[in-house]
Amino acid sequence: MRIYSLAIFTAPPGGSSTQLAAYADLSSYSFYQRGSVQEFLNFFSKTVVDRTPPGQRQSIEEQSYKFNVYNKGGADNLAALIITDLEYPPRPAFSLLQKVLDDFATEIPRSSFANPSSISFPTVKAYVDKYQDPRQADSIMKVQAELDETKIILHKTIESVLQRGEKLDNLVERSNNLSMQSKMFYKTAKKQNSCCVIA
């Protein structure tokens, strides 16, 4: 999973968008390819932002890229776009777009939107670096990954117990912690379960 670019635009309704801040990580491309790749990403980013109505989010796939855009609209007319590979999940991508737009609107005065070259917003690079691994940045994905890992461990533990069925029978029989009634219940349940197995 990879983030290639994150950009913030001013996107007036019915008008042409203007890029205000951006960061691109094109290190996976050769030095000679980077210029062409950057031009393609810039062209397609502007096109996608221009065609996303205020207040809407959308994902567009083109070749091996996914363009996730959020046009926040409102008084600031801000929009943000993240370009990722096709494997990158949409949830952390849109979460990042919301965060970067909120931070930008808080830190950068609207009066500077008219002169984009004067805008300095290094937070955009920090977000790209942080969100390269979406599991680290998105708490819900992180919890889900931990749950999946726990599930695998539990399955392995259950499988290892099931492989020792005969030893388990011996343990039940010798246990001083189980009453005679519990031991009888275990034996009866095991017989009933074994008679119903379909081969």
C-alpha atoms as a PDB file:
ATOM      1  CA  MET A   1       0.000   0.000   0.000  1.00  0.00           C
ATOM      2  CA  ARG A   2       1.359   3.371  -0.953  1.00  0.00           C
ATOM      3  CA  ILE A   3       0.511   7.072  -0.994  1.00  0.00           C
ATOM      4  CA  TYR A   4       1.929   8.930  -3.990  1.00  0.00           C
ATOM      5  CA  SER A   5       0.541  12.416  -3.468  1.00  0.00           C
ATOM      6  CA  LEU A   6      -1.572  14.598  -1.216  1.00  0.00           C
ATOM      7  CA  ALA A   7      -2.773  18.015  -2.387  1.00  0.00           C
ATOM      8  CA  ILE A   8      -5.034  20.809  -1.166  1.00  0.00           C
ATOM      9  CA  PHE A   9      -6.970  23.001  -3.589  1.00  0.00           C
ATOM     10  CA  THR A  10      -9.268  25.955  -3.550  1.00  0.00           C
ATOM     11  CA  ALA A  11     -12.266  24.849  -5.606  1.00  0.00           C
ATOM     12  CA  PRO A  12     -14.824  27.603  -6.193  1.00  0.00           C
ATOM     13  CA  PRO A  13     -18.198  26.237  -7.369  1.00  0.00           C
ATOM     14  CA  GLY A  14     -18.385  26.291 -11.159  1.00  0.00           C
ATOM     15  CA  GLY A  15     -14.841  27.650 -11.411  1.00  0.00           C
ATOM     16  CA  SER A  16     -11.389  26.248 -11.961  1.00  0.00           C
ATOM     17  CA  SER A  17      -9.514  24.805  -8.983  1.00  0.00           C
ATOM     18  CA  THR A  18      -6.085  26.031  -7.875  1.00  0.00           C
ATOM     19  CA  GLN A  19      -3.540  23.931  -6.001  1.00  0.00           C
ATOM     20  CA  LEU A  20      -2.551  25.584  -2.716  1.00  0.00           C
ATOM     21  CA  ALA A  21      -0.254  22.990  -1.145  1.00  0.00           C
ATOM     22  CA  ALA A  22       0.980  19.534  -2.074  1.00  0.00           C
ATOM     23  CA  TYR A  23       3.517  16.843  -1.390  1.00  0.00           C
ATOM     24  CA  ALA A  24       4.408  13.943  -3.689  1.00  0.00           C
ATOM     25  CA  ASP A  25       6.445  10.852  -2.831  1.00  0.00           C
ATOM     26  CA  LEU A  26       7.597   9.500  -6.174  1.00  0.00           C
ATOM     27  CA  SER A  27      10.661   7.679  -4.826  1.00  0.00           C
ATOM     28  CA  SER A  28       9.375   4.392  -6.267  1.00  0.00           C
ATOM     29  CA  TYR A  29       9.946   5.807  -9.785  1.00  0.00           C
ATOM     30  CA  SER A  30      13.274   6.321 -11.502  1.00  0.00           C
ATOM     31  CA  PHE A  31      14.657   9.840 -11.615  1.00  0.00           C
ATOM     32  CA  TYR A  32      13.851  10.088 -15.337  1.00  0.00           C
ATOM     33  CA  GLN A  33      10.207   9.037 -14.892  1.00  0.00           C
ATOM     34  CA  ARG A  34       9.351  11.364 -12.015  1.00  0.00           C
ATOM     35  CA  GLY A  35       8.727  14.491 -14.102  1.00  0.00           C
ATOM     36  CA  SER A  36       6.255  12.728 -16.407  1.00  0.00           C
ATOM     37  CA  VAL A  37       4.519  10.972 -13.516  1.00  0.00           C
ATOM     38  CA  GLN A  38       4.214  14.264 -11.605  1.00  0.00           C
ATOM     39  CA  GLU A  39       2.687  15.995 -14.648  1.00  0.00           C
ATOM     40  CA  PHE A  40       0.144  13.214 -15.098  1.00  0.00           C
ATOM     41  CA  LEU A  41      -0.793  13.253 -11.387  1.00  0.00           C
ATOM     42  CA  ASN A  42      -1.142  17.066 -11.364  1.00  0.00           C
ATOM     43  CA  PHE A  43      -3.295  17.084 -14.510  1.00  0.00           C
ATOM     44  CA  PHE A  44      -5.580  14.310 -13.341  1.00  0.00           C
ATOM     45  CA  SER A  45      -5.815  15.743  -9.783  1.00  0.00           C
ATOM     46  CA  LYS A  46      -7.033  19.108 -11.041  1.00  0.00           C
ATOM     47  CA  THR A  47      -9.511  17.432 -13.390  1.00  0.00           C
ATOM     48  CA  VAL A  48     -10.949  15.273 -10.591  1.00  0.00           C
ATOM     49  CA  VAL A  49     -11.213  18.196  -8.151  1.00  0.00           C
ATOM     50  CA  ASP A  50     -12.886  20.385 -10.803  1.00  0.00           C
ATOM     51  CA  ARG A  51     -15.506  17.680 -11.367  1.00  0.00           C
ATOM     52  CA  THR A  52     -16.293  16.947  -7.709  1.00  0.00           C
ATOM     53  CA  PRO A  53     -19.240  19.042  -6.463  1.00  0.00           C
ATOM     54  CA  PRO A  54     -18.951  20.839  -3.082  1.00  0.00           C
ATOM     55  CA  GLY A  55     -19.774  18.614  -0.121  1.00  0.00           C
ATOM     56  CA  GLN A  56     -19.005  15.372  -1.948  1.00  0.00           C
ATOM     57  CA  ARG A  57     -16.411  12.614  -1.772  1.00  0.00           C
ATOM     58  CA  GLN A  58     -15.464  10.246  -4.551  1.00  0.00           C
ATOM     59  CA  SER A  59     -12.885   7.625  -5.533  1.00  0.00           C
ATOM     60  CA  ILE A  60     -11.685   7.258  -9.104  1.00  0.00           C
ATOM     61  CA  GLU A  61      -9.352   4.577 -10.432  1.00  0.00           C
ATOM     62  CA  GLU A  62      -7.034   5.304 -13.333  1.00  0.00           C
ATOM     63  CA  GLN A  63      -4.398   2.774 -14.423  1.00  0.00           C
ATOM     64  CA  SER A  64      -2.705   1.669 -11.173  1.00  0.00           C
ATOM     65  CA  TYR A  65      -3.765   4.766  -9.189  1.00  0.00           C
ATOM     66  CA  LYS A  66      -6.721   5.589  -6.984  1.00  0.00           C
ATOM     67  CA  PHE A  67      -7.721   9.251  -6.667  1.00  0.00           C
ATOM     68  CA  ASN A  68      -9.722   9.902  -3.480  1.00  0.00           C
ATOM     69  CA  VAL A  69     -11.110  13.437  -3.353  1.00  0.00           C
ATOM     70  CA  TYR A  70     -13.122  15.368  -0.807  1.00  0.00           C
ATOM     71  CA  ASN A  71     -14.532  18.743  -1.827  1.00  0.00           C
ATOM     72  CA  LYS A  72     -15.440  20.239   1.523  1.00  0.00           C
ATOM     73  CA  GLY A  73     -16.990  23.345  -0.027  1.00  0.00           C
ATOM     74  CA  GLY A  74     -18.188  25.890   2.539  1.00  0.00           C
ATOM     75  CA  ALA A  75     -16.897  29.438   2.869  1.00  0.00           C
ATOM     76  CA  ASP A  76     -13.273  28.412   2.211  1.00  0.00           C
ATOM     77  CA  ASN A  77     -14.077  26.370  -0.932  1.00  0.00           C
ATOM     78  CA  LEU A  78     -11.354  23.886   0.015  1.00  0.00           C
ATOM     79  CA  ALA A  79     -10.847  20.428  -1.468  1.00  0.00           C
ATOM     80  CA  ALA A  80      -8.186  17.784  -0.888  1.00  0.00           C
ATOM     81  CA  LEU A  81      -7.062  14.849  -2.978  1.00  0.00           C
ATOM     82  CA  ILE A  82      -4.933  11.834  -2.128  1.00  0.00           C
ATOM     83  CA  ILE A  83      -3.435   9.573  -4.783  1.00  0.00           C
ATOM     84  CA  THR A  84      -2.683   6.010  -3.722  1.00  0.00           C
ATOM     85  CA  ASP A  85      -2.185   2.604  -5.235  1.00  0.00           C
ATOM     86  CA  LEU A  86      -5.272   0.438  -5.751  1.00  0.00           C
ATOM     87  CA  GLU A  87      -4.721  -1.562  -2.533  1.00  0.00           C
ATOM     88  CA  TYR A  88      -4.881   1.451  -0.203  1.00  0.00           C
ATOM     89  CA  PRO A  89      -8.172   1.326   1.792  1.00  0.00           C
ATOM     90  CA  PRO A  90     -10.634   4.209   1.403  1.00  0.00           C
ATOM     91  CA  ARG A  91     -11.408   4.690   5.108  1.00  0.00           C
ATOM     92  CA  PRO A  92      -7.982   6.037   6.194  1.00  0.00           C
ATOM     93  CA  ALA A  93      -7.673   7.945   2.900  1.00  0.00           C
ATOM     94  CA  PHE A  94     -10.872   9.916   3.516  1.00  0.00           C
ATOM     95  CA  SER A  95     -10.001  10.305   7.197  1.00  0.00           C
ATOM     96  CA  LEU A  96      -6.700  11.897   6.132  1.00  0.00           C
ATOM     97  CA  LEU A  97      -8.463  14.227   3.687  1.00  0.00           C
ATOM     98  CA  GLN A  98     -10.771  15.473   6.451  1.00  0.00           C
ATOM     99  CA  LYS A  99      -7.849  16.032   8.850  1.00  0.00           C
ATOM    100  CA  VAL A 100      -5.633  17.823   6.352  1.00  0.00           C
ATOM    101  CA  LEU A 101      -8.466  20.158   5.309  1.00  0.00           C
ATOM    102  CA  ASP A 102      -9.293  20.980   8.933  1.00  0.00           C
ATOM    103  CA  ASP A 103      -5.627  21.691   9.730  1.00  0.00           C
ATOM    104  CA  PHE A 104      -5.138  23.762   6.587  1.00  0.00           C
ATOM    105  CA  ALA A 105      -8.237  25.887   7.250  1.00  0.00           C
ATOM    106  CA  THR A 106      -7.050  26.477  10.835  1.00  0.00           C
ATOM    107  CA  GLU A 107      -3.399  27.304  10.051  1.00  0.00           C
ATOM    108  CA  ILE A 108      -3.559  29.140   6.710  1.00  0.00           C
ATOM    109  CA  PRO A 109      -5.521  32.406   6.436  1.00  0.00           C
ATOM    110  CA  ARG A 110      -7.999  32.616   3.566  1.00  0.00           C
ATOM    111  CA  SER A 111      -6.385  35.869   2.396  1.00  0.00           C
ATOM    112  CA  SER A 112      -3.272  33.898   1.309  1.00  0.00           C
ATOM    113  CA  PHE A 113      -5.294  31.632  -1.064  1.00  0.00           C
ATOM    114  CA  ALA A 114      -4.929  34.299  -3.796  1.00  0.00           C
ATOM    115  CA  ASN A 115      -1.140  33.808  -3.772  1.00  0.00           C
ATOM    116  CA  PRO A 116      -0.494  30.019  -3.533  1.00  0.00           C
ATOM    117  CA  SER A 117       3.291  30.399  -3.905  1.00  0.00           C
ATOM    118  CA  SER A 118       3.397  32.209  -0.540  1.00  0.00           C
ATOM    119  CA  ILE A 119       1.746  29.294   1.318  1.00  0.00           C
ATOM    120  CA  SER A 120       3.965  27.083   3.458  1.00  0.00           C
ATOM    121  CA  PHE A 121       2.214  24.009   4.854  1.00  0.00           C
ATOM    122  CA  PRO A 122       4.773  21.305   5.821  1.00  0.00           C
ATOM    123  CA  THR A 123       2.052  19.340   7.639  1.00  0.00           C
ATOM    124  CA  VAL A 124       1.078  17.824   4.283  1.00  0.00           C
ATOM    125  CA  LYS A 125       4.398  15.905   4.105  1.00  0.00           C
ATOM    126  CA  ALA A 126       4.057  14.764   7.732  1.00  0.00           C
ATOM    127  CA  TYR A 127       0.617  13.343   6.971  1.00  0.00           C
ATOM    128  CA  VAL A 128       1.866  11.474   3.889  1.00  0.00           C
ATOM    129  CA  ASP A 129       4.687   9.950   5.947  1.00  0.00           C
ATOM    130  CA  LYS A 130       2.343   9.002   8.802  1.00  0.00           C
ATOM    131  CA  TYR A 131      -0.371   7.507   6.603  1.00  0.00           C
ATOM    132  CA  GLN A 132       1.937   5.414   4.380  1.00  0.00           C
ATOM    133  CA  ASP A 133       0.939   2.518   6.670  1.00  0.00           C
ATOM    134  CA  PRO A 134      -2.825   3.003   7.111  1.00  0.00           C
ATOM    135  CA  ARG A 135      -2.921   0.586  10.071  1.00  0.00           C
ATOM    136  CA  GLN A 136      -0.670   2.881  12.100  1.00  0.00           C
ATOM    137  CA  ALA A 137      -2.676   5.989  11.299  1.00  0.00           C
ATOM    138  CA  ASP A 138      -6.226   4.651  11.478  1.00  0.00           C
ATOM    139  CA  SER A 139      -7.116   3.390  14.965  1.00  0.00           C
ATOM    140  CA  ILE A 140     -10.042   1.260  13.760  1.00  0.00           C
ATOM    141  CA  MET A 141      -7.868  -0.515  11.185  1.00  0.00           C
ATOM    142  CA  LYS A 142      -5.207  -1.016  13.848  1.00  0.00           C
ATOM    143  CA  VAL A 143      -7.711  -2.608  16.248  1.00  0.00           C
ATOM    144  CA  GLN A 144      -9.079  -4.803  13.423  1.00  0.00           C
ATOM    145  CA  ALA A 145      -5.563  -6.003  12.566  1.00  0.00           C
ATOM    146  CA  GLU A 146      -4.935  -6.837  16.236  1.00  0.00           C
ATOM    147  CA  LEU A 147      -8.250  -8.718  16.433  1.00  0.00           C
ATOM    148  CA  ASP A 148      -7.404 -10.692  13.299  1.00  0.00           C
ATOM    149  CA  GLU A 149      -4.027 -11.589  14.805  1.00  0.00           C
ATOM    150  CA  THR A 150      -5.709 -12.711  18.059  1.00  0.00           C
ATOM    151  CA  LYS A 151      -8.180 -14.802  16.071  1.00  0.00           C
ATOM    152  CA  ILE A 152      -5.295 -16.603  14.337  1.00  0.00           C
ATOM    153  CA  ILE A 153      -3.623 -17.286  17.689  1.00  0.00           C
ATOM    154  CA  LEU A 154      -6.898 -18.606  19.131  1.00  0.00           C
ATOM    155  CA  HIS A 155      -7.431 -20.878  16.133  1.00  0.00           C
ATOM    156  CA  LYS A 156      -3.925 -22.252  16.534  1.00  0.00           C
ATOM    157  CA  THR A 157      -4.518 -22.903  20.249  1.00  0.00           C
ATOM    158  CA  ILE A 158      -7.816 -24.687  19.615  1.00  0.00           C
ATOM    159  CA  GLU A 159      -6.279 -26.765  16.833  1.00  0.00           C
ATOM    160  CA  SER A 160      -3.404 -27.819  19.069  1.00  0.00           C
ATOM    161  CA  VAL A 161      -5.857 -28.888  21.813  1.00  0.00           C
ATOM    162  CA  LEU A 162      -7.994 -30.830  19.326  1.00  0.00           C
ATOM    163  CA  GLN A 163      -4.932 -32.701  18.087  1.00  0.00           C
ATOM    164  CA  ARG A 164      -4.365 -34.006  21.614  1.00  0.00           C
ATOM    165  CA  GLY A 165      -7.883 -35.453  22.067  1.00  0.00           C
ATOM    166  CA  GLU A 166      -6.680 -38.668  23.692  1.00  0.00           C
ATOM    167  CA  LYS A 167      -4.536 -36.840  26.231  1.00  0.00           C
ATOM    168  CA  LEU A 168      -7.466 -34.547  26.987  1.00  0.00           C
ATOM    169  CA  ASP A 169      -9.590 -37.624  27.817  1.00  0.00           C
ATOM    170  CA  ASN A 170      -6.900 -38.800  30.229  1.00  0.00           C
ATOM    171  CA  LEU A 171      -6.696 -35.361  31.850  1.00  0.00           C
ATOM    172  CA  VAL A 172     -10.447 -35.259  32.384  1.00  0.00           C
ATOM    173  CA  GLU A 173     -10.436 -38.755  33.873  1.00  0.00           C
ATOM    174  CA  ARG A 174      -7.592 -37.985  36.321  1.00  0.00           C
ATOM    175  CA  SER A 175      -8.719 -34.488  37.290  1.00  0.00           C
ATOM    176  CA  ASN A 176      -9.506 -33.920  40.966  1.00  0.00           C
ATOM    177  CA  ASN A 177     -11.122 -30.571  40.094  1.00  0.00           C
ATOM    178  CA  LEU A 178     -14.015 -32.166  38.188  1.00  0.00           C
ATOM    179  CA  SER A 179     -16.896 -33.870  39.947  1.00  0.00           C
ATOM    180  CA  MET A 180     -18.093 -37.329  38.859  1.00  0.00           C
ATOM    181  CA  GLN A 181     -21.142 -35.620  37.346  1.00  0.00           C
ATOM    182  CA  SER A 182     -18.940 -33.334  35.178  1.00  0.00           C
ATOM    183  CA  LYS A 183     -16.843 -36.292  34.032  1.00  0.00           C
ATOM    184  CA  MET A 184     -20.007 -38.200  33.059  1.00  0.00           C
ATOM    185  CA  PHE A 185     -21.303 -35.140  31.198  1.00  0.00           C
ATOM    186  CA  TYR A 186     -18.019 -34.906  29.244  1.00  0.00           C
ATOM    187  CA  LYS A 187     -18.137 -38.605  28.282  1.00  0.00           C
ATOM    188  CA  THR A 188     -21.810 -38.443  27.286  1.00  0.00           C
ATOM    189  CA  ALA A 189     -21.291 -35.290  25.222  1.00  0.00           C
ATOM    190  CA  LYS A 190     -18.290 -36.829  23.481  1.00  0.00           C
ATOM    191  CA  LYS A 191     -20.261 -40.006  22.616  1.00  0.00           C
ATOM    192  CA  GLN A 192     -23.211 -37.985  21.289  1.00  0.00           C
ATOM    193  CA  ASN A 193     -20.918 -35.809  19.178  1.00  0.00           C
ATOM    194  CA  SER A 194     -19.032 -38.780  17.774  1.00  0.00           C
ATOM    195  CA  CYS A 195     -22.225 -40.618  16.756  1.00  0.00           C
ATOM    196  CA  CYS A 196     -23.387 -37.634  14.724  1.00  0.00           C
ATOM    197  CA  VAL A 197     -20.257 -37.143  12.662  1.00  0.00           C
ATOM    198  CA  ILE A 198     -20.952 -37.518   8.919  1.00  0.00           C
ATOM    199  CA  ALA A 199     -18.089 -39.052   7.052  1.00  0.00           C
END
